[in-house]
């Protein structure tokens, strides 16, 4: 019975991870069009916020000791709890209607924070072994790059026009987020620093030209991100000069292609 129970738990855990990766990946790939998909009277983005609200309310009630295994500091946890409590105090003091869904839509940035906890729970592997689902996630920036460079498939355009409240091509900010988010997650999930550095250099070389073309603001943001990352890698670079130079040569091909 214990073996069967453990097997069911592993199955549910794997299913939950798969759903998380799919939702996050599809949101990053299709952006506004995907979160605008209608489910009855509500859009997917509104369902996201509803889930974030539910998690936030739970976090207000639980003790920090119950989530010690998550990558969340005491400052982050209690700051988030204080923000949520302050929201309800402000709403009640202002005589706003807590039953009105717009009250929560207009404060979506508060509820979005709770997804950091889900990310820590499902996406970050505590044993520092790469999750099999994450291999597919590494292709997300490449797909967004292809879509943004004039190769957006018509089948998806037609689908979102029929089933979403709005179809929108990916914006430069969407491209930057997909590039930066995956490179950030790599630090927690991929053990091989060589692989992380090579992936970072290649995706940076691929995205810089298209971001410069699409939005100078996103380009500057990406450039600042790259400068910080290279600064944090200074010890790695000094200890692996030949290897880093080879990685630069490889990534330069992506830059020329882009």
Foldseek 3Di string as FASTA:
>chain_A
DVVVVVVVVVVVLVVLLLVVLVVVLVCLQQPPLQQQFDDDPDGNVLVLLVVLVVLLVVLLVDDVVVLVVFPADPCRSVVLSVVVVVLVVVCVVVVHDPVDSVSSVVVSVSSVSSVSRVCRVRVFDPVLEADPSCVVLLCSLVSLLCQLVPNPDVVVVVVSVVGGPDGDRDALVSSLCSLVVSLVSCVRRPPDPLVSLLSNLQSLLQSLVSSVVRDPVSNVVSVVVVVVVVVVCVVVCVVPVVSVVVSNVVSVVSNVVD
